[in-house]
């Protein structure tokens, strides 16, 4: 069976300048440290980590999730805090063939589509593809349609084709409960089984392991730094733009006041004094 082709997406505007400012401030903050390790795979919002566990048996890998930092031993650290070393804030996909994959259940991508997916696009400056697949093909109890945005056309191998009608109907795992409220309107509540459908099945992790050689070498679009204008010049020429829902202004003010900020003069001269 041939692999369905992913859908190419048209480029959108680049990252808000406010977000770039946060990245610059984190990069030059000497006290934040650096996750100084070469990784072949990094997974954010890893949850139960089925994919991560499969990949790490062969490749250098890391996984982070806010659920991992609830024990007392973590103290104030948070693996999802991009202002801290634990958040892999300074991770750099150095190889020009690295792949980026942003995935979520189908129908839950309104925020990621408009923000994170196109933020990634502005970094890779190449064609972005949308791929879709059914988690049922990888052992999930429910059909669970998923989609992802990526700079690697080969990631379309996640799509194993159509799901037959009988597999779309789940007669054993009830994830919702239907009821009628006091006004006679039909409502739905999630059952205890609903949260479990968020877990990526082990079969999906094994498929990722099989695809790793292509995911590591067939990503497209990262620009050659030698051919690009100096960062401060690009930053100075861009008009100021914010990311309203992210509320980045307080983050910028906080990082700008860091006593261990070691920003070079060429960056300091183009950085805004107020936001």
Protein backbone atom coordinates (compact mmCIF):
# COMPACT_ATOMS: atom_id res chain seq x y z
CA UNK A 1 0.00 0.00 0.00
CA UNK A 2 1.43 3.36 -1.02
CA UNK A 3 1.89 6.03 1.64
CA UNK A 4 -0.73 8.84 1.36
CA UNK A 5 0.89 12.15 0.49
CA UNK A 6 0.77 14.87 3.16
CA UNK A 7 -0.98 18.12 2.42
CA UNK A 8 1.32 21.11 1.72
CA UNK A 9 0.41 24.32 3.51
CA UNK A 10 0.88 27.88 2.34
CA UNK A 11 3.36 30.00 4.36
CA UNK A 12 2.00 32.49 6.89
CA UNK A 13 3.66 35.52 8.53
CA UNK A 14 6.71 34.96 10.72
CA UNK A 15 7.08 34.93 14.49
CA UNK A 16 5.98 37.91 16.58
CA UNK A 17 8.97 40.06 17.46
CA UNK A 18 8.03 39.83 21.15
CA UNK A 19 8.63 36.07 21.08
CA UNK A 20 11.99 36.55 19.34
CA UNK A 21 12.91 38.99 22.12
CA UNK A 22 12.19 36.30 24.74
CA UNK A 23 14.39 33.81 22.91
CA UNK A 24 17.24 36.33 22.68
CA UNK A 25 17.02 37.17 26.40
CA UNK A 26 16.98 33.50 27.41
CA UNK A 27 19.94 32.76 25.15
CA UNK A 28 22.12 35.48 26.70
CA UNK A 29 21.11 34.76 30.32
CA UNK A 30 24.23 33.08 31.66
CA UNK A 31 22.57 31.79 34.84
CA UNK A 32 19.94 29.74 33.04
CA UNK A 33 22.43 27.16 31.91
CA UNK A 34 22.22 25.05 28.80
CA UNK A 35 20.99 21.55 28.15
CA UNK A 36 24.39 20.60 26.78
CA UNK A 37 23.58 17.22 25.30
CA UNK A 38 23.14 16.02 21.76
CA UNK A 39 19.70 14.52 21.25
CA UNK A 40 18.16 12.68 18.36
CA UNK A 41 14.63 13.02 19.74
CA UNK A 42 12.95 15.47 22.12
CA UNK A 43 9.28 15.21 23.07
CA UNK A 44 7.28 17.94 24.79
CA UNK A 45 3.95 17.19 26.51
CA UNK A 46 5.12 13.57 26.55
CA UNK A 47 2.43 12.32 28.92
CA UNK A 48 2.95 8.65 29.69
CA UNK A 49 5.94 8.67 27.36
CA UNK A 50 5.23 5.58 25.24
CA UNK A 51 6.88 7.09 22.18
CA UNK A 52 9.84 8.39 24.17
CA UNK A 53 10.48 5.02 25.82
CA UNK A 54 10.48 3.26 22.48
CA UNK A 55 12.85 5.77 20.88
CA UNK A 56 15.32 6.01 23.79
CA UNK A 57 16.16 2.30 23.52
CA UNK A 58 18.11 3.14 20.36
CA UNK A 59 18.55 6.92 20.17
CA UNK A 60 19.52 9.69 22.60
CA UNK A 61 16.18 11.11 23.66
CA UNK A 62 14.50 13.40 26.20
CA UNK A 63 10.90 13.89 27.27
CA UNK A 64 9.28 16.67 29.30
CA UNK A 65 5.80 17.18 30.67
CA UNK A 66 4.35 19.36 33.41
CA UNK A 67 3.09 16.18 35.09
CA UNK A 68 6.71 15.15 35.72
CA UNK A 69 7.33 18.02 38.15
CA UNK A 70 4.74 17.40 40.84
CA UNK A 71 7.01 15.66 43.32
CA UNK A 72 8.63 17.50 46.24
CA UNK A 73 12.09 16.63 44.89
CA UNK A 74 11.57 19.05 41.99
CA UNK A 75 11.20 22.11 44.20
CA UNK A 76 10.56 25.23 42.08
CA UNK A 77 11.78 23.57 38.87
CA UNK A 78 9.34 22.96 36.05
CA UNK A 79 10.30 20.97 32.93
CA UNK A 80 7.83 23.00 30.87
CA UNK A 81 9.29 26.37 31.91
CA UNK A 82 11.13 27.78 28.90
CA UNK A 83 12.94 30.22 31.22
CA UNK A 84 14.79 27.36 32.89
CA UNK A 85 17.36 24.84 31.81
CA UNK A 86 14.93 22.04 32.61
CA UNK A 87 12.68 23.28 29.83
CA UNK A 88 15.22 22.65 27.06
CA UNK A 89 14.95 26.37 26.32
CA UNK A 90 18.20 26.57 24.42
CA UNK A 91 17.74 23.44 22.38
CA UNK A 92 18.98 23.98 18.82
CA UNK A 93 18.05 21.64 15.95
CA UNK A 94 21.52 22.13 14.48
CA UNK A 95 21.50 19.70 11.55
CA UNK A 96 19.90 21.30 8.50
CA UNK A 97 17.90 18.10 7.96
CA UNK A 98 16.24 17.98 11.40
CA UNK A 99 12.50 17.42 11.53
CA UNK A 100 9.86 19.23 13.57
CA UNK A 101 6.48 17.60 14.24
CA UNK A 102 3.58 19.37 15.99
CA UNK A 103 0.79 16.92 16.70
CA UNK A 104 -2.66 16.94 18.35
CA UNK A 105 -6.00 15.24 18.06
CA UNK A 106 -7.96 16.36 15.02
CA UNK A 107 -10.25 19.25 15.88
CA UNK A 108 -7.99 20.58 18.67
CA UNK A 109 -5.57 22.49 16.49
CA UNK A 110 -7.12 25.96 16.33
CA UNK A 111 -4.45 27.45 18.63
CA UNK A 112 -1.53 25.37 17.42
CA UNK A 113 -2.44 25.95 13.80
CA UNK A 114 -2.42 29.72 14.13
CA UNK A 115 0.50 30.01 16.54
CA UNK A 116 2.92 27.17 17.11
CA UNK A 117 2.69 25.60 13.67
CA UNK A 118 3.44 28.85 11.91
CA UNK A 119 6.02 29.82 14.51
CA UNK A 120 7.86 26.68 13.49
CA UNK A 121 7.39 27.63 9.85
CA UNK A 122 9.10 30.97 10.30
CA UNK A 123 12.17 29.16 11.68
CA UNK A 124 12.36 26.54 8.97
CA UNK A 125 11.26 28.88 6.16
CA UNK A 126 10.22 26.03 3.92
CA UNK A 127 7.12 24.08 2.95
CA UNK A 128 5.06 22.90 5.91
CA UNK A 129 2.99 19.75 5.51
CA UNK A 130 -0.13 18.55 7.26
CA UNK A 131 -0.43 14.83 7.87
CA UNK A 132 -3.28 12.82 9.37
CA UNK A 133 -3.62 9.30 10.75
CA UNK A 134 -5.85 7.07 12.88
CA UNK A 135 -4.49 5.95 16.24
CA UNK A 136 -6.60 2.80 15.88
CA UNK A 137 -4.00 1.60 13.37
CA UNK A 138 -1.44 1.62 16.21
CA UNK A 139 -3.44 -0.22 18.84
CA UNK A 140 -5.59 2.51 20.37
CA UNK A 141 -8.91 1.40 21.87
CA UNK A 142 -10.69 4.19 20.00
CA UNK A 143 -10.38 5.43 16.41
CA UNK A 144 -8.78 8.74 17.56
CA UNK A 145 -8.07 10.81 14.45
CA UNK A 146 -4.81 12.79 14.72
CA UNK A 147 -3.12 15.43 12.61
CA UNK A 148 0.28 17.07 12.65
CA UNK A 149 2.30 19.82 10.98
CA UNK A 150 5.83 19.01 9.90
CA UNK A 151 8.71 20.09 7.66
CA UNK A 152 9.36 16.47 6.67
CA UNK A 153 7.27 14.98 3.88
CA UNK A 154 8.38 11.48 4.89
CA UNK A 155 6.35 11.82 8.11
CA UNK A 156 3.37 11.00 5.92
CA UNK A 157 4.34 7.37 6.63
CA UNK A 158 2.37 7.73 9.88
CA UNK A 159 -0.76 7.63 7.74
CA UNK A 160 -1.74 4.00 7.18
CA UNK A 161 -4.72 4.86 5.06
CA UNK A 162 -8.46 4.69 5.64
CA UNK A 163 -10.09 3.21 8.69
CA UNK A 164 -12.88 0.79 7.91
CA UNK A 165 -16.34 1.67 9.20
CA UNK A 166 -16.50 -1.13 11.77
CA UNK A 167 -13.27 0.08 13.40
CA UNK A 168 -14.61 3.63 13.74
CA UNK A 169 -17.40 2.45 16.00
CA UNK A 170 -16.25 1.61 19.51
CA UNK A 171 -18.72 -0.69 21.27
CA UNK A 172 -16.60 -1.42 24.35
CA UNK A 173 -14.85 1.83 25.37
CA UNK A 174 -17.35 4.55 26.21
CA UNK A 175 -15.57 7.92 26.43
CA UNK A 176 -18.67 10.08 26.79
CA UNK A 177 -22.03 9.91 28.53
CA UNK A 178 -25.10 11.48 26.97
CA UNK A 179 -27.84 13.01 29.10
CA UNK A 180 -30.67 15.54 28.91
CA UNK A 181 -30.46 18.61 31.13
CA UNK A 182 -33.30 20.36 32.98
CA UNK A 183 -34.10 22.43 29.88
CA UNK A 184 -34.50 19.36 27.71
CA UNK A 185 -31.22 19.86 25.84
CA UNK A 186 -28.93 16.96 25.03
CA UNK A 187 -25.54 17.19 26.75
CA UNK A 188 -22.40 15.07 26.94
CA UNK A 189 -19.96 14.39 29.78
CA UNK A 190 -16.59 12.69 29.49
CA UNK A 191 -16.16 9.40 31.30
CA UNK A 192 -13.06 8.13 33.10
CA UNK A 193 -12.02 6.50 29.82
CA UNK A 194 -11.77 9.81 27.96
CA UNK A 195 -8.43 10.93 29.39
CA UNK A 196 -6.84 7.60 28.50
CA UNK A 197 -7.48 8.30 24.82
CA UNK A 198 -4.85 11.06 25.03
CA UNK A 199 -2.11 8.45 25.44
CA UNK A 200 -0.11 7.60 22.34
CA UNK A 201 -0.14 3.78 22.02
CA UNK A 202 3.08 1.76 22.06
CA UNK A 203 2.53 0.84 18.42
CA UNK A 204 2.91 4.49 17.47
CA UNK A 205 6.21 4.58 19.35
CA UNK A 206 7.50 1.56 17.41
CA UNK A 207 6.49 3.22 14.14
CA UNK A 208 8.43 6.33 15.18
CA UNK A 209 11.52 4.19 15.83
CA UNK A 210 11.24 2.69 12.33
CA UNK A 211 10.97 6.18 10.84
CA UNK A 212 13.78 7.79 12.87
CA UNK A 213 16.48 7.49 10.15
CA UNK A 214 14.25 9.45 7.76
CA UNK A 215 13.00 11.86 10.41
CA UNK A 216 16.61 12.70 11.30
CA UNK A 217 17.82 13.21 7.74
CA UNK A 218 14.94 14.29 5.51
CA UNK A 219 13.70 17.43 7.22
CA UNK A 220 13.86 20.46 4.97
CA UNK A 221 14.03 24.17 5.32
CA UNK A 222 16.46 25.22 8.04
CA UNK A 223 18.34 28.13 6.49
CA UNK A 224 22.09 28.29 6.22
CA UNK A 225 23.29 30.77 8.86
CA UNK A 226 26.25 31.75 6.68
CA UNK A 227 23.89 33.14 4.06
CA UNK A 228 21.72 35.18 6.40
CA UNK A 229 21.93 38.72 7.74
CA UNK A 230 23.28 39.22 11.27
CA UNK A 231 20.65 38.64 13.94
CA UNK A 232 20.70 42.18 15.39
CA UNK A 233 20.14 43.67 11.92
CA UNK A 234 17.16 41.42 11.27
CA UNK A 235 15.73 42.16 14.72
CA UNK A 236 16.13 45.92 14.30
CA UNK A 237 14.49 45.95 10.87
CA UNK A 238 11.37 44.06 12.02
CA UNK A 239 8.33 45.98 13.22
CA UNK A 240 7.27 45.30 16.80
CA UNK A 241 4.52 42.71 17.04
CA UNK A 242 3.12 40.91 20.08
CA UNK A 243 1.52 37.56 20.76
CA UNK A 244 -1.51 38.79 22.69
CA UNK A 245 -2.75 35.49 24.11
CA UNK A 246 0.77 34.61 25.34
CA UNK A 247 1.15 37.86 27.37
CA UNK A 248 4.86 38.11 26.72
CA UNK A 249 5.45 41.68 27.91
CA UNK A 250 5.83 40.70 31.63
CA UNK A 251 8.15 37.84 30.60
CA UNK A 252 10.34 40.24 28.61
CA UNK A 253 10.49 42.69 31.52
CA UNK A 254 11.40 39.90 33.93
CA UNK A 255 14.19 38.51 31.73
CA UNK A 256 15.49 41.99 30.88
CA UNK A 257 16.04 42.62 34.60
CA UNK A 258 18.16 39.51 35.05
CA UNK A 259 21.45 40.45 36.76
CA UNK A 260 23.16 37.64 34.86
CA UNK A 261 22.05 38.85 31.44
CA UNK A 262 25.17 39.02 29.26
CA UNK A 263 23.80 40.64 26.12
CA UNK A 264 26.42 41.79 23.58
CA UNK A 265 26.52 45.48 22.67
CA UNK A 266 25.28 44.85 19.12
CA UNK A 267 22.11 43.29 20.54
CA UNK A 268 21.69 45.77 23.39
CA UNK A 269 21.74 48.69 20.96
CA UNK A 270 18.71 47.38 19.02
CA UNK A 271 16.70 46.04 21.95
CA UNK A 272 13.60 48.01 23.01
CA UNK A 273 13.81 49.89 26.31
CA UNK A 274 10.05 49.51 26.89
CA UNK A 275 7.33 47.14 25.73
